[in-house]
PDB file of N, CA and C in Angstrom:
ATOM      1  N   UNK A   1       0.813  -1.218  -0.064  1.00  0.00           N
ATOM      2  CA  UNK A   1      -0.167   0.066  -0.077  1.00  0.00           C
ATOM      3  C   UNK A   1       0.756   1.364  -0.002  1.00  0.00           C
ATOM      4  N   UNK A   2       0.632   2.229  -0.749  1.00  0.00           N
ATOM      5  CA  UNK A   2       1.464   3.562  -0.871  1.00  0.00           C
ATOM      6  C   UNK A   2       0.860   4.292   0.327  1.00  0.00           C
ATOM      7  N   UNK A   3       1.730   4.999   0.953  1.00  0.00           N
ATOM      8  CA  UNK A   3       1.765   5.869   1.939  1.00  0.00           C
ATOM      9  C   UNK A   3       1.869   7.368   1.535  1.00  0.00           C
ATOM     10  N   UNK A   4       1.042   8.554   1.507  1.00  0.00           N
ATOM     11  CA  UNK A   4       1.582   9.743   1.654  1.00  0.00           C
ATOM     12  C   UNK A   4       1.377  10.327   2.521  1.00  0.00           C
ATOM     13  N   UNK A   5       2.941  10.998   2.885  1.00  0.00           N
ATOM     14  CA  UNK A   5       2.898  11.842   4.140  1.00  0.00           C
ATOM     15  C   UNK A   5       2.421  13.278   3.499  1.00  0.00           C
ATOM     16  N   UNK A   6       1.110  13.534   4.267  1.00  0.00           N
ATOM     17  CA  UNK A   6       0.338  14.724   3.600  1.00  0.00           C
ATOM     18  C   UNK A   6       1.097  15.671   4.261  1.00  0.00           C
ATOM     19  N   UNK A   7       1.808  15.771   5.420  1.00  0.00           N
ATOM     20  CA  UNK A   7       2.306  17.092   5.989  1.00  0.00           C
ATOM     21  C   UNK A   7       3.552  17.720   5.239  1.00  0.00           C
ATOM     22  N   UNK A   8       4.320  16.521   4.987  1.00  0.00           N
ATOM     23  CA  UNK A   8       5.652  16.778   4.234  1.00  0.00           C
ATOM     24  C   UNK A   8       5.154  17.027   2.695  1.00  0.00           C
ATOM     25  N   UNK A   9       4.273  16.496   2.202  1.00  0.00           N
ATOM     26  CA  UNK A   9       3.815  17.039   0.840  1.00  0.00           C
ATOM     27  C   UNK A   9       3.587  18.506   1.232  1.00  0.00           C
ATOM     28  N   UNK A  10       2.718  18.852   1.811  1.00  0.00           N
ATOM     29  CA  UNK A  10       2.032  20.325   2.214  1.00  0.00           C
ATOM     30  C   UNK A  10       3.339  21.296   2.206  1.00  0.00           C
ATOM     31  N   UNK A  11       4.347  20.865   3.233  1.00  0.00           N
ATOM     32  CA  UNK A  11       5.371  21.351   3.369  1.00  0.00           C
ATOM     33  C   UNK A  11       6.282  21.849   2.202  1.00  0.00           C
ATOM     34  N   UNK A  12       6.429  20.558   1.283  1.00  0.00           N
ATOM     35  CA  UNK A  12       7.164  20.781  -0.103  1.00  0.00           C
ATOM     36  C   UNK A  12       6.439  21.696  -0.662  1.00  0.00           C
ATOM     37  N   UNK A  13       5.360  21.453  -0.949  1.00  0.00           N
ATOM     38  CA  UNK A  13       4.671  22.536  -1.856  1.00  0.00           C
ATOM     39  C   UNK A  13       4.747  23.949  -1.476  1.00  0.00           C
ATOM     40  N   UNK A  14       4.454  24.390  -0.162  1.00  0.00           N
ATOM     41  CA  UNK A  14       4.545  25.796   0.288  1.00  0.00           C
ATOM     42  C   UNK A  14       6.159  26.004  -0.051  1.00  0.00           C
ATOM     43  N   UNK A  15       6.841  25.459   0.464  1.00  0.00           N
ATOM     44  CA  UNK A  15       8.405  25.445   0.293  1.00  0.00           C
ATOM     45  C   UNK A  15       8.754  26.145  -1.062  1.00  0.00           C
ATOM     46  N   UNK A  16       7.836  25.470  -1.959  1.00  0.00           N
ATOM     47  CA  UNK A  16       8.407  25.677  -3.732  1.00  0.00           C
ATOM     48  C   UNK A  16       7.619  26.885  -3.738  1.00  0.00           C
ATOM     49  N   UNK A  17       7.011  27.480  -3.029  1.00  0.00           N
ATOM     50  CA  UNK A  17       5.998  28.820  -3.296  1.00  0.00           C
ATOM     51  C   UNK A  17       4.862  28.666  -3.303  1.00  0.00           C
ATOM     52  N   UNK A  18       4.153  27.659  -3.550  1.00  0.00           N
ATOM     53  CA  UNK A  18       2.584  27.665  -3.478  1.00  0.00           C
ATOM     54  C   UNK A  18       1.900  28.157  -2.388  1.00  0.00           C
ATOM     55  N   UNK A  19       1.150  28.661  -2.359  1.00  0.00           N
ATOM     56  CA  UNK A  19      -0.077  28.750  -1.380  1.00  0.00           C
ATOM     57  C   UNK A  19      -0.389  27.708  -0.299  1.00  0.00           C
ATOM     58  N   UNK A  20      -0.176  28.081   0.706  1.00  0.00           N
ATOM     59  CA  UNK A  20      -0.545  26.893   1.809  1.00  0.00           C
ATOM     60  C   UNK A  20      -2.175  26.449   1.657  1.00  0.00           C
ATOM     61  N   UNK A  21      -2.842  27.496   1.339  1.00  0.00           N
ATOM     62  CA  UNK A  21      -4.367  26.752   1.204  1.00  0.00           C
ATOM     63  C   UNK A  21      -4.386  25.677  -0.212  1.00  0.00           C
ATOM     64  N   UNK A  22      -3.874  25.997  -1.121  1.00  0.00           N
ATOM     65  CA  UNK A  22      -3.860  25.456  -2.219  1.00  0.00           C
ATOM     66  C   UNK A  22      -2.993  24.089  -2.317  1.00  0.00           C
ATOM     67  N   UNK A  23      -2.057  24.185  -1.438  1.00  0.00           N
ATOM     68  CA  UNK A  23      -1.107  23.070  -1.177  1.00  0.00           C
ATOM     69  C   UNK A  23      -1.817  22.011  -0.503  1.00  0.00           C
ATOM     70  N   UNK A  24      -2.505  22.431   0.650  1.00  0.00           N
ATOM     71  CA  UNK A  24      -3.342  21.401   1.191  1.00  0.00           C
ATOM     72  C   UNK A  24      -4.622  21.059   0.364  1.00  0.00           C
ATOM     73  N   UNK A  25      -5.104  21.858  -0.288  1.00  0.00           N
ATOM     74  CA  UNK A  25      -6.296  21.370  -1.036  1.00  0.00           C
ATOM     75  C   UNK A  25      -5.800  20.382  -2.086  1.00  0.00           C
ATOM     76  N   UNK A  26      -4.375  20.321  -2.744  1.00  0.00           N
ATOM     77  CA  UNK A  26      -3.928  19.526  -3.484  1.00  0.00           C
ATOM     78  C   UNK A  26      -3.756  18.353  -2.969  1.00  0.00           C
ATOM     79  N   UNK A  27      -3.008  18.505  -1.933  1.00  0.00           N
ATOM     80  CA  UNK A  27      -2.542  17.170  -0.835  1.00  0.00           C
ATOM     81  C   UNK A  27      -3.839  16.342  -0.754  1.00  0.00           C
ATOM     82  N   UNK A  28      -4.943  16.974  -0.289  1.00  0.00           N
ATOM     83  CA  UNK A  28      -6.071  16.596   0.058  1.00  0.00           C
ATOM     84  C   UNK A  28      -6.636  15.566  -1.234  1.00  0.00           C
ATOM     85  N   UNK A  29      -6.766  16.093  -2.320  1.00  0.00           N
ATOM     86  CA  UNK A  29      -7.147  15.470  -3.355  1.00  0.00           C
ATOM     87  C   UNK A  29      -6.460  14.646  -3.901  1.00  0.00           C
ATOM     88  N   UNK A  30      -5.260  14.624  -3.773  1.00  0.00           N
ATOM     89  CA  UNK A  30      -4.230  13.498  -4.031  1.00  0.00           C
ATOM     90  C   UNK A  30      -4.504  12.410  -3.315  1.00  0.00           C
ATOM     91  N   UNK A  31      -4.524  12.820  -1.584  1.00  0.00           N
ATOM     92  CA  UNK A  31      -5.100  11.501  -0.732  1.00  0.00           C
ATOM     93  C   UNK A  31      -6.099  10.751  -1.213  1.00  0.00           C
ATOM     94  N   UNK A  32      -7.231  11.634  -1.273  1.00  0.00           N
ATOM     95  CA  UNK A  32      -8.149  10.930  -1.851  1.00  0.00           C
ATOM     96  C   UNK A  32      -8.360  10.070  -2.855  1.00  0.00           C
ATOM     97  N   UNK A  33      -7.628  10.592  -4.039  1.00  0.00           N
ATOM     98  CA  UNK A  33      -7.435   9.589  -5.101  1.00  0.00           C
ATOM     99  C   UNK A  33      -6.980   8.484  -4.963  1.00  0.00           C
ATOM    100  N   UNK A  34      -5.877   8.471  -4.127  1.00  0.00           N
ATOM    101  CA  UNK A  34      -5.030   7.372  -3.969  1.00  0.00           C
ATOM    102  C   UNK A  34      -5.694   6.423  -2.818  1.00  0.00           C
ATOM    103  N   UNK A  35      -6.498   7.003  -1.895  1.00  0.00           N
ATOM    104  CA  UNK A  35      -7.459   6.038  -1.209  1.00  0.00           C
ATOM    105  C   UNK A  35      -8.518   5.419  -1.987  1.00  0.00           C
ATOM    106  N   UNK A  36      -9.176   5.832  -2.941  1.00  0.00           N
ATOM    107  CA  UNK A  36     -10.102   5.613  -3.834  1.00  0.00           C
ATOM    108  C   UNK A  36      -9.730   4.544  -4.717  1.00  0.00           C
ATOM    109  N   UNK A  37      -8.394   4.378  -5.108  1.00  0.00           N
ATOM    110  CA  UNK A  37      -7.820   3.626  -6.111  1.00  0.00           C
ATOM    111  C   UNK A  37      -7.675   2.102  -5.244  1.00  0.00           C
ATOM    112  N   UNK A  38      -7.218   2.331  -3.845  1.00  0.00           N
ATOM    113  CA  UNK A  38      -6.970   1.133  -3.241  1.00  0.00           C
ATOM    114  C   UNK A  38      -8.085   0.346  -2.902  1.00  0.00           C
ATOM    115  N   UNK A  39      -9.623   1.013  -2.802  1.00  0.00           N
ATOM    116  CA  UNK A  39     -10.802   0.112  -2.660  1.00  0.00           C
ATOM    117  C   UNK A  39     -10.759  -0.681  -4.092  1.00  0.00           C
ATOM    118  N   UNK A  40     -10.415  -0.669  -5.153  1.00  0.00           N
ATOM    119  CA  UNK A  40     -10.431  -1.598  -6.204  1.00  0.00           C
ATOM    120  C   UNK A  40      -9.361  -2.746  -6.219  1.00  0.00           C
ATOM    121  N   UNK A  41      -8.411  -2.562  -5.434  1.00  0.00           N
ATOM    122  CA  UNK A  41      -7.395  -3.654  -5.451  1.00  0.00           C
ATOM    123  C   UNK A  41      -7.864  -4.814  -4.894  1.00  0.00           C
ATOM    124  N   UNK A  42      -7.819  -6.197  -5.698  1.00  0.00           N
ATOM    125  CA  UNK A  42      -8.037  -7.488  -5.334  1.00  0.00           C
ATOM    126  C   UNK A  42      -7.200  -8.013  -3.744  1.00  0.00           C
ATOM    127  N   UNK A  43      -7.975  -8.416  -3.369  1.00  0.00           N
ATOM    128  CA  UNK A  43      -7.070  -9.326  -1.967  1.00  0.00           C
ATOM    129  C   UNK A  43      -6.769 -10.404  -2.419  1.00  0.00           C
ATOM    130  N   UNK A  44      -5.898 -11.221  -1.554  1.00  0.00           N
ATOM    131  CA  UNK A  44      -5.632 -12.401  -1.637  1.00  0.00           C
ATOM    132  C   UNK A  44      -6.754 -13.323  -1.798  1.00  0.00           C
ATOM    133  N   UNK A  45      -7.834 -12.968  -0.809  1.00  0.00           N
ATOM    134  CA  UNK A  45      -9.101 -13.906  -0.827  1.00  0.00           C
ATOM    135  C   UNK A  45      -9.755 -13.844  -2.230  1.00  0.00           C
ATOM    136  N   UNK A  46      -9.911 -12.606  -2.681  1.00  0.00           N
ATOM    137  CA  UNK A  46     -10.725 -12.268  -4.085  1.00  0.00           C
ATOM    138  C   UNK A  46     -10.147 -13.235  -5.176  1.00  0.00           C
ATOM    139  N   UNK A  47      -8.731 -13.306  -4.915  1.00  0.00           N
ATOM    140  CA  UNK A  47      -7.985 -13.985  -6.095  1.00  0.00           C
ATOM    141  C   UNK A  47      -8.016 -15.615  -6.155  1.00  0.00           C
ATOM    142  N   UNK A  48      -8.141 -15.903  -4.659  1.00  0.00           N
ATOM    143  CA  UNK A  48      -8.553 -17.155  -4.430  1.00  0.00           C
ATOM    144  C   UNK A  48      -9.808 -17.921  -5.117  1.00  0.00           C
ATOM    145  N   UNK A  49     -10.663 -16.861  -4.784  1.00  0.00           N
ATOM    146  CA  UNK A  49     -12.154 -17.194  -4.717  1.00  0.00           C
ATOM    147  C   UNK A  49     -12.392 -17.280  -6.495  1.00  0.00           C
ATOM    148  N   UNK A  50     -11.722 -16.004  -7.174  1.00  0.00           N
ATOM    149  CA  UNK A  50     -11.843 -16.207  -8.567  1.00  0.00           C
ATOM    150  C   UNK A  50     -11.265 -17.548  -9.321  1.00  0.00           C
ATOM    151  N   UNK A  51     -10.027 -17.843  -8.412  1.00  0.00           N
ATOM    152  CA  UNK A  51      -9.200 -19.233  -8.986  1.00  0.00           C
ATOM    153  C   UNK A  51     -10.148 -20.294  -8.897  1.00  0.00           C
ATOM    154  N   UNK A  52     -10.740 -20.576  -7.881  1.00  0.00           N
ATOM    155  CA  UNK A  52     -11.633 -21.737  -7.563  1.00  0.00           C
ATOM    156  C   UNK A  52     -12.642 -21.678  -8.459  1.00  0.00           C
ATOM    157  N   UNK A  53     -13.424 -20.434  -9.298  1.00  0.00           N
ATOM    158  CA  UNK A  53     -14.354 -20.377  -9.529  1.00  0.00           C
ATOM    159  C   UNK A  53     -13.933 -20.832 -11.119  1.00  0.00           C
ATOM    160  N   UNK A  54     -12.753 -20.169 -11.652  1.00  0.00           N
ATOM    161  CA  UNK A  54     -12.183 -20.735 -13.007  1.00  0.00           C
ATOM    162  C   UNK A  54     -11.843 -22.192 -13.148  1.00  0.00           C
ATOM    163  N   UNK A  55     -11.403 -22.742 -11.989  1.00  0.00           N
ATOM    164  CA  UNK A  55     -11.194 -24.186 -11.918  1.00  0.00           C
ATOM    165  C   UNK A  55     -12.313 -24.903 -12.079  1.00  0.00           C
ATOM    166  N   UNK A  56     -13.334 -24.411 -11.493  1.00  0.00           N
ATOM    167  CA  UNK A  56     -14.810 -25.356 -11.643  1.00  0.00           C
ATOM    168  C   UNK A  56     -15.240 -25.137 -12.961  1.00  0.00           C
ATOM    169  N   UNK A  57     -15.282 -23.976 -13.508  1.00  0.00           N
ATOM    170  CA  UNK A  57     -15.502 -23.919 -14.979  1.00  0.00           C
ATOM    171  C   UNK A  57     -14.838 -24.676 -15.610  1.00  0.00           C
ATOM    172  N   UNK A  58     -13.482 -24.621 -15.642  1.00  0.00           N
ATOM    173  CA  UNK A  58     -12.581 -25.508 -16.293  1.00  0.00           C
ATOM    174  C   UNK A  58     -13.034 -27.104 -16.530  1.00  0.00           C
ATOM    175  N   UNK A  59     -13.288 -27.567 -14.938  1.00  0.00           N
ATOM    176  CA  UNK A  59     -13.736 -28.870 -14.949  1.00  0.00           C
ATOM    177  C   UNK A  59     -15.123 -29.203 -15.731  1.00  0.00           C
ATOM    178  N   UNK A  60     -16.054 -28.266 -15.842  1.00  0.00           N
ATOM    179  CA  UNK A  60     -17.133 -28.294 -16.251  1.00  0.00           C
ATOM    180  C   UNK A  60     -16.873 -28.601 -17.842  1.00  0.00           C
ATOM    181  N   UNK A  61     -16.014 -27.561 -18.464  1.00  0.00           N
ATOM    182  CA  UNK A  61     -15.946 -27.611 -19.585  1.00  0.00           C
ATOM    183  C   UNK A  61     -15.172 -28.896 -19.970  1.00  0.00           C
ATOM    184  N   UNK A  62     -14.311 -29.267 -19.415  1.00  0.00           N
ATOM    185  CA  UNK A  62     -13.585 -30.899 -19.879  1.00  0.00           C
ATOM    186  C   UNK A  62     -14.644 -31.729 -19.831  1.00  0.00           C
ATOM    187  N   UNK A  63     -15.385 -31.843 -18.698  1.00  0.00           N
ATOM    188  CA  UNK A  63     -16.597 -33.089 -18.644  1.00  0.00           C
ATOM    189  C   UNK A  63     -17.255 -32.892 -20.075  1.00  0.00           C
ATOM    190  N   UNK A  64     -17.963 -31.720 -20.474  1.00  0.00           N
ATOM    191  CA  UNK A  64     -18.603 -31.582 -21.448  1.00  0.00           C
ATOM    192  C   UNK A  64     -17.815 -32.000 -22.903  1.00  0.00           C
ATOM    193  N   UNK A  65     -16.533 -31.999 -22.849  1.00  0.00           N
ATOM    194  CA  UNK A  65     -15.549 -32.402 -23.903  1.00  0.00           C
ATOM    195  C   UNK A  65     -15.739 -33.647 -23.924  1.00  0.00           C
ATOM    196  N   UNK A  66     -15.677 -34.289 -22.886  1.00  0.00           N
ATOM    197  CA  UNK A  66     -15.489 -35.989 -22.680  1.00  0.00           C
ATOM    198  C   UNK A  66     -16.535 -36.562 -23.270  1.00  0.00           C
ATOM    199  N   UNK A  67     -17.814 -35.709 -22.837  1.00  0.00           N
ATOM    200  CA  UNK A  67     -19.064 -36.151 -22.972  1.00  0.00           C
ATOM    201  C   UNK A  67     -19.352 -36.142 -24.909  1.00  0.00           C
ATOM    202  N   UNK A  68     -19.232 -34.867 -25.124  1.00  0.00           N
ATOM    203  CA  UNK A  68     -18.811 -34.840 -26.794  1.00  0.00           C
ATOM    204  C   UNK A  68     -18.217 -35.921 -27.691  1.00  0.00           C
ATOM    205  N   UNK A  69     -16.960 -36.193 -26.731  1.00  0.00           N
ATOM    206  CA  UNK A  69     -15.946 -36.962 -27.760  1.00  0.00           C
ATOM    207  C   UNK A  69     -16.717 -38.535 -27.714  1.00  0.00           C
ATOM    208  N   UNK A  70     -17.487 -39.086 -26.611  1.00  0.00           N
ATOM    209  CA  UNK A  70     -18.091 -40.235 -26.382  1.00  0.00           C
ATOM    210  C   UNK A  70     -19.435 -40.313 -27.423  1.00  0.00           C
ATOM    211  N   UNK A  71     -19.973 -39.095 -27.296  1.00  0.00           N
ATOM    212  CA  UNK A  71     -21.346 -39.126 -28.274  1.00  0.00           C
ATOM    213  C   UNK A  71     -20.505 -39.061 -29.730  1.00  0.00           C
ATOM    214  N   UNK A  72     -19.639 -38.336 -30.374  1.00  0.00           N
ATOM    215  CA  UNK A  72     -19.035 -38.218 -31.579  1.00  0.00           C
ATOM    216  C   UNK A  72     -18.677 -39.618 -31.854  1.00  0.00           C
ATOM    217  N   UNK A  73     -17.908 -40.580 -31.129  1.00  0.00           N
ATOM    218  CA  UNK A  73     -17.450 -41.916 -31.021  1.00  0.00           C
ATOM    219  C   UNK A  73     -18.492 -42.659 -31.438  1.00  0.00           C
ATOM    220  N   UNK A  74     -19.604 -42.527 -30.750  1.00  0.00           N
ATOM    221  CA  UNK A  74     -21.159 -43.515 -30.837  1.00  0.00           C
ATOM    222  C   UNK A  74     -21.597 -43.014 -32.202  1.00  0.00           C
ATOM    223  N   UNK A  75     -21.555 -42.318 -32.442  1.00  0.00           N
ATOM    224  CA  UNK A  75     -22.118 -41.475 -33.835  1.00  0.00           C
ATOM    225  C   UNK A  75     -21.550 -41.980 -34.972  1.00  0.00           C
ATOM    226  N   UNK A  76     -20.058 -42.254 -34.849  1.00  0.00           N
ATOM    227  CA  UNK A  76     -19.055 -42.598 -35.855  1.00  0.00           C
ATOM    228  C   UNK A  76     -19.324 -44.140 -36.130  1.00  0.00           C
ATOM    229  N   UNK A  77     -19.449 -44.653 -34.962  1.00  0.00           N
ATOM    230  CA  UNK A  77     -19.757 -46.470 -35.147  1.00  0.00           C
ATOM    231  C   UNK A  77     -20.854 -46.521 -35.802  1.00  0.00           C
ATOM    232  N   UNK A  78     -22.122 -45.682 -35.541  1.00  0.00           N
ATOM    233  CA  UNK A  78     -23.344 -45.930 -36.242  1.00  0.00           C
ATOM    234  C   UNK A  78     -23.277 -45.685 -37.337  1.00  0.00           C
ATOM    235  N   UNK A  79     -22.611 -44.777 -38.056  1.00  0.00           N
ATOM    236  CA  UNK A  79     -22.295 -44.510 -39.499  1.00  0.00           C
ATOM    237  C   UNK A  79     -21.575 -45.366 -40.038  1.00  0.00           C
ATOM    238  N   UNK A  80     -20.581 -45.747 -39.336  1.00  0.00           N
ATOM    239  CA  UNK A  80     -19.822 -46.898 -40.213  1.00  0.00           C
ATOM    240  C   UNK A  80     -20.657 -48.290 -40.235  1.00  0.00           C
ATOM    241  N   UNK A  81     -21.456 -48.487 -39.260  1.00  0.00           N
ATOM    242  CA  UNK A  81     -22.394 -50.045 -39.296  1.00  0.00           C
ATOM    243  C   UNK A  81     -23.329 -49.665 -40.302  1.00  0.00           C
ATOM    244  N   UNK A  82     -23.690 -48.396 -40.196  1.00  0.00           N
ATOM    245  CA  UNK A  82     -24.632 -48.192 -41.680  1.00  0.00           C
ATOM    246  C   UNK A  82     -24.193 -48.320 -42.952  1.00  0.00           C
ATOM    247  N   UNK A  83     -22.884 -47.658 -43.105  1.00  0.00           N
ATOM    248  CA  UNK A  83     -22.324 -47.572 -44.371  1.00  0.00           C
ATOM    249  C   UNK A  83     -22.094 -49.138 -44.718  1.00  0.00           C
ATOM    250  N   UNK A  84     -21.526 -50.072 -43.724  1.00  0.00           N
ATOM    251  CA  UNK A  84     -21.217 -51.600 -44.174  1.00  0.00           C
ATOM    252  C   UNK A  84     -22.479 -52.229 -44.502  1.00  0.00           C
ATOM    253  N   UNK A  85     -23.631 -52.062 -43.648  1.00  0.00           N
ATOM    254  CA  UNK A  85     -24.908 -52.701 -43.988  1.00  0.00           C
ATOM    255  C   UNK A  85     -25.212 -52.248 -45.297  1.00  0.00           C
ATOM    256  N   UNK A  86     -25.118 -51.058 -45.792  1.00  0.00           N
ATOM    257  CA  UNK A  86     -25.724 -50.514 -46.962  1.00  0.00           C
ATOM    258  C   UNK A  86     -24.782 -51.023 -48.025  1.00  0.00           C
ATOM    259  N   UNK A  87     -23.698 -51.393 -47.869  1.00  0.00           N
ATOM    260  CA  UNK A  87     -22.786 -52.126 -48.992  1.00  0.00           C
ATOM    261  C   UNK A  87     -22.942 -53.109 -48.855  1.00  0.00           C
ATOM    262  N   UNK A  88     -23.273 -54.105 -47.994  1.00  0.00           N
ATOM    263  CA  UNK A  88     -23.375 -55.519 -48.160  1.00  0.00           C
ATOM    264  C   UNK A  88     -25.021 -55.813 -48.900  1.00  0.00           C
ATOM    265  N   UNK A  89     -26.069 -54.794 -48.410  1.00  0.00           N
ATOM    266  CA  UNK A  89     -27.426 -54.803 -48.970  1.00  0.00           C
ATOM    267  C   UNK A  89     -27.476 -54.970 -50.554  1.00  0.00           C
ATOM    268  N   UNK A  90     -26.748 -53.673 -51.294  1.00  0.00           N
ATOM    269  CA  UNK A  90     -26.592 -53.502 -52.391  1.00  0.00           C
ATOM    270  C   UNK A  90     -25.576 -53.847 -53.254  1.00  0.00           C
TER     271      UNK A  90
END
């Protein structure tokens, strides 16, 4: 987490020639901006939750793929049997 030393910042701005009221206002705005951005950061728990959700989705997709492979294999066998039967009939 970033830390802003507001007193030091105000002192640096006023020492460089800025009006103290303006320096305080700018420093407050900068601190508020920094604080508001940290609310958006993900925590370790957030990342773990998303990771578990992704793993669950991947597992579901893999299960669906296995089922599709089985169905396609079965369909392929049915088609081959039909072709062989058709060939022997005619």
